[in-house]
Amino acid sequence: MTPAQAIAALDRQLAAHGQTLKVRRGTKDAVAAIASINGFVRGFKAEDIAPGSAISQKDSKVILSPTALVAWPAPLPKEGDWCEIDGQFRSIVAGTSIKLADVVVRIELQVKG
């Protein structure tokens, strides 16, 4: 599978089954950048929530496609940015880029709140 094929497959799944959310940079009142995009919002698996882990049961994993963030200012969404899910502001506490052949094909965020 090529990176373009992986991104296209994720884009199709997000279009068919994702939910609309907003990613924001800046404060809630002074937004520096905003993107309204489709994403998957899931809870973490029990094995991800180990004693002493930075992940709690109230945290969520948000999966995004790099396609939706083409115009987003560098770096990609990161700690300190915000994700608005179902009208609730949730802070991004960690972000990971999944790469295939050195191309970002998927973005996973850990959000709290």
C-alpha atoms as a PDB file:
ATOM      1  CA  MET A   1       0.000   0.000   0.000  1.00  0.00           C
ATOM      2  CA  THR A   2       1.341   3.424  -0.918  1.00  0.00           C
ATOM      3  CA  PRO A   3       0.979   6.473   1.329  1.00  0.00           C
ATOM      4  CA  ALA A   4      -1.534   7.974  -1.125  1.00  0.00           C
ATOM      5  CA  GLN A   5      -3.637   4.801  -0.978  1.00  0.00           C
ATOM      6  CA  ALA A   6      -3.526   4.765   2.833  1.00  0.00           C
ATOM      7  CA  ILE A   7      -4.622   8.402   3.027  1.00  0.00           C
ATOM      8  CA  ALA A   8      -7.392   7.846   0.461  1.00  0.00           C
ATOM      9  CA  ALA A   9      -8.710   4.848   2.439  1.00  0.00           C
ATOM     10  CA  LEU A  10      -8.747   6.869   5.683  1.00  0.00           C
ATOM     11  CA  ASP A  11     -10.446   9.805   3.915  1.00  0.00           C
ATOM     12  CA  ARG A  12     -13.194   7.484   2.628  1.00  0.00           C
ATOM     13  CA  GLN A  13     -13.808   6.021   6.094  1.00  0.00           C
ATOM     14  CA  LEU A  14     -13.874   9.450   7.743  1.00  0.00           C
ATOM     15  CA  ALA A  15     -16.313  10.753   5.119  1.00  0.00           C
ATOM     16  CA  ALA A  16     -18.618   7.762   5.604  1.00  0.00           C
ATOM     17  CA  HIS A  17     -18.369   7.215   9.361  1.00  0.00           C
ATOM     18  CA  GLY A  18     -16.550  10.138  11.007  1.00  0.00           C
ATOM     19  CA  GLN A  19     -18.023  12.984  12.986  1.00  0.00           C
ATOM     20  CA  THR A  20     -17.514  16.702  12.532  1.00  0.00           C
ATOM     21  CA  LEU A  21     -15.170  18.364  14.991  1.00  0.00           C
ATOM     22  CA  LYS A  22     -13.044  21.477  15.153  1.00  0.00           C
ATOM     23  CA  VAL A  23      -9.340  21.703  15.814  1.00  0.00           C
ATOM     24  CA  ARG A  24      -8.200  25.046  17.217  1.00  0.00           C
ATOM     25  CA  ARG A  25      -4.868  26.695  17.903  1.00  0.00           C
ATOM     26  CA  GLY A  26      -4.695  29.566  20.386  1.00  0.00           C
ATOM     27  CA  THR A  27      -6.956  30.298  23.323  1.00  0.00           C
ATOM     28  CA  LYS A  28     -10.686  29.668  23.321  1.00  0.00           C
ATOM     29  CA  ASP A  29     -11.265  33.409  22.906  1.00  0.00           C
ATOM     30  CA  ALA A  30      -8.358  34.276  20.585  1.00  0.00           C
ATOM     31  CA  VAL A  31      -8.199  31.617  17.904  1.00  0.00           C
ATOM     32  CA  ALA A  32      -5.065  31.669  15.746  1.00  0.00           C
ATOM     33  CA  ALA A  33      -6.187  28.802  13.478  1.00  0.00           C
ATOM     34  CA  ILE A  34      -9.308  26.683  13.180  1.00  0.00           C
ATOM     35  CA  ALA A  35     -10.236  23.697  11.012  1.00  0.00           C
ATOM     36  CA  SER A  36     -13.648  22.033  10.839  1.00  0.00           C
ATOM     37  CA  ILE A  37     -12.967  18.418   9.858  1.00  0.00           C
ATOM     38  CA  ASN A  38     -14.198  14.841  10.119  1.00  0.00           C
ATOM     39  CA  GLY A  39     -12.540  12.574  12.641  1.00  0.00           C
ATOM     40  CA  PHE A  40     -13.017   9.430  14.655  1.00  0.00           C
ATOM     41  CA  VAL A  41     -13.409   9.914  18.408  1.00  0.00           C
ATOM     42  CA  ARG A  42     -12.880   6.787  20.500  1.00  0.00           C
ATOM     43  CA  GLY A  43     -12.185   5.904  24.095  1.00  0.00           C
ATOM     44  CA  PHE A  44      -8.909   4.219  24.956  1.00  0.00           C
ATOM     45  CA  LYS A  45      -8.734   0.461  25.440  1.00  0.00           C
ATOM     46  CA  ALA A  46      -8.347  -0.894  28.975  1.00  0.00           C
ATOM     47  CA  GLU A  47      -4.791  -2.049  28.239  1.00  0.00           C
ATOM     48  CA  ASP A  48      -3.869   1.547  27.292  1.00  0.00           C
ATOM     49  CA  ILE A  49      -4.908   2.773  30.750  1.00  0.00           C
ATOM     50  CA  ALA A  50      -2.245   1.355  33.041  1.00  0.00           C
ATOM     51  CA  PRO A  51      -1.740   2.432  36.663  1.00  0.00           C
ATOM     52  CA  GLY A  52       0.386   5.568  36.644  1.00  0.00           C
ATOM     53  CA  SER A  53      -0.336   6.142  32.945  1.00  0.00           C
ATOM     54  CA  ALA A  54      -0.962   9.640  31.587  1.00  0.00           C
ATOM     55  CA  ILE A  55      -4.164   8.272  30.013  1.00  0.00           C
ATOM     56  CA  SER A  56      -7.409   8.200  32.022  1.00  0.00           C
ATOM     57  CA  GLN A  57     -10.889   6.831  31.328  1.00  0.00           C
ATOM     58  CA  LYS A  58     -12.101  10.364  30.543  1.00  0.00           C
ATOM     59  CA  ASP A  59      -9.551  10.800  27.749  1.00  0.00           C
ATOM     60  CA  SER A  60     -10.334  10.127  24.114  1.00  0.00           C
ATOM     61  CA  LYS A  61      -8.328   9.252  21.029  1.00  0.00           C
ATOM     62  CA  VAL A  62      -9.073  11.397  17.977  1.00  0.00           C
ATOM     63  CA  ILE A  63      -8.032  10.129  14.559  1.00  0.00           C
ATOM     64  CA  LEU A  64      -7.601  12.643  11.730  1.00  0.00           C
ATOM     65  CA  SER A  65      -6.445  12.572   8.139  1.00  0.00           C
ATOM     66  CA  PRO A  66      -3.609  14.824   6.987  1.00  0.00           C
ATOM     67  CA  THR A  67      -5.783  15.760   3.988  1.00  0.00           C
ATOM     68  CA  ALA A  68      -8.019  17.892   6.188  1.00  0.00           C
ATOM     69  CA  LEU A  69      -5.039  19.738   7.660  1.00  0.00           C
ATOM     70  CA  VAL A  70      -3.260  20.799   4.460  1.00  0.00           C
ATOM     71  CA  ALA A  71      -3.777  24.487   5.289  1.00  0.00           C
ATOM     72  CA  TRP A  72      -3.099  24.027   9.023  1.00  0.00           C
ATOM     73  CA  PRO A  73      -0.057  25.966  10.283  1.00  0.00           C
ATOM     74  CA  ALA A  74       2.966  23.870  11.258  1.00  0.00           C
ATOM     75  CA  PRO A  75       3.318  21.918  13.356  1.00  0.00           C
ATOM     76  CA  LEU A  76       0.340  19.564  13.130  1.00  0.00           C
ATOM     77  CA  PRO A  77      -2.104  19.705  16.071  1.00  0.00           C
ATOM     78  CA  LYS A  78      -0.109  19.321  19.257  1.00  0.00           C
ATOM     79  CA  GLU A  79      -0.170  19.665  23.011  1.00  0.00           C
ATOM     80  CA  GLY A  80      -1.736  22.990  23.929  1.00  0.00           C
ATOM     81  CA  ASP A  81      -4.133  23.059  20.973  1.00  0.00           C
ATOM     82  CA  TRP A  82      -7.856  22.384  21.367  1.00  0.00           C
ATOM     83  CA  CYS A  83     -10.370  19.993  19.886  1.00  0.00           C
ATOM     84  CA  GLU A  84     -14.070  20.906  19.980  1.00  0.00           C
ATOM     85  CA  ILE A  85     -16.141  17.714  20.077  1.00  0.00           C
ATOM     86  CA  ASP A  86     -19.939  17.875  20.322  1.00  0.00           C
ATOM     87  CA  GLY A  87     -19.667  21.509  21.435  1.00  0.00           C
ATOM     88  CA  GLN A  88     -17.211  20.735  24.264  1.00  0.00           C
ATOM     89  CA  PHE A  89     -13.681  22.108  24.285  1.00  0.00           C
ATOM     90  CA  ARG A  90     -11.153  19.389  25.021  1.00  0.00           C
ATOM     91  CA  SER A  91      -7.440  20.041  25.368  1.00  0.00           C
ATOM     92  CA  ILE A  92      -4.973  18.168  23.214  1.00  0.00           C
ATOM     93  CA  VAL A  93      -2.373  16.640  25.517  1.00  0.00           C
ATOM     94  CA  ALA A  94      -0.458  14.527  22.987  1.00  0.00           C
ATOM     95  CA  GLY A  95      -0.258  14.061  19.248  1.00  0.00           C
ATOM     96  CA  THR A  96       1.319  11.394  17.090  1.00  0.00           C
ATOM     97  CA  SER A  97       1.856  11.275  13.337  1.00  0.00           C
ATOM     98  CA  ILE A  98       1.722   7.841  11.743  1.00  0.00           C
ATOM     99  CA  LYS A  99       4.001   7.651   8.711  1.00  0.00           C
ATOM    100  CA  LEU A 100       4.291   5.295   5.791  1.00  0.00           C
ATOM    101  CA  ALA A 101       7.432   5.714   3.650  1.00  0.00           C
ATOM    102  CA  ASP A 102       8.146   8.991   5.485  1.00  0.00           C
ATOM    103  CA  VAL A 103       4.719  10.461   4.591  1.00  0.00           C
ATOM    104  CA  VAL A 104       2.187  11.319   7.316  1.00  0.00           C
ATOM    105  CA  VAL A 105      -0.858   9.141   6.616  1.00  0.00           C
ATOM    106  CA  ARG A 106      -2.738   9.475   9.926  1.00  0.00           C
ATOM    107  CA  ILE A 107      -2.785  11.752  12.967  1.00  0.00           C
ATOM    108  CA  GLU A 108      -3.755  10.478  16.418  1.00  0.00           C
ATOM    109  CA  LEU A 109      -4.472  12.873  19.265  1.00  0.00           C
ATOM    110  CA  GLN A 110      -5.048  12.280  22.965  1.00  0.00           C
ATOM    111  CA  VAL A 111      -7.625  14.759  24.284  1.00  0.00           C
ATOM    112  CA  LYS A 112      -8.735  15.502  27.862  1.00  0.00           C
ATOM    113  CA  GLY A 113     -11.767  17.230  29.229  1.00  0.00           C
END
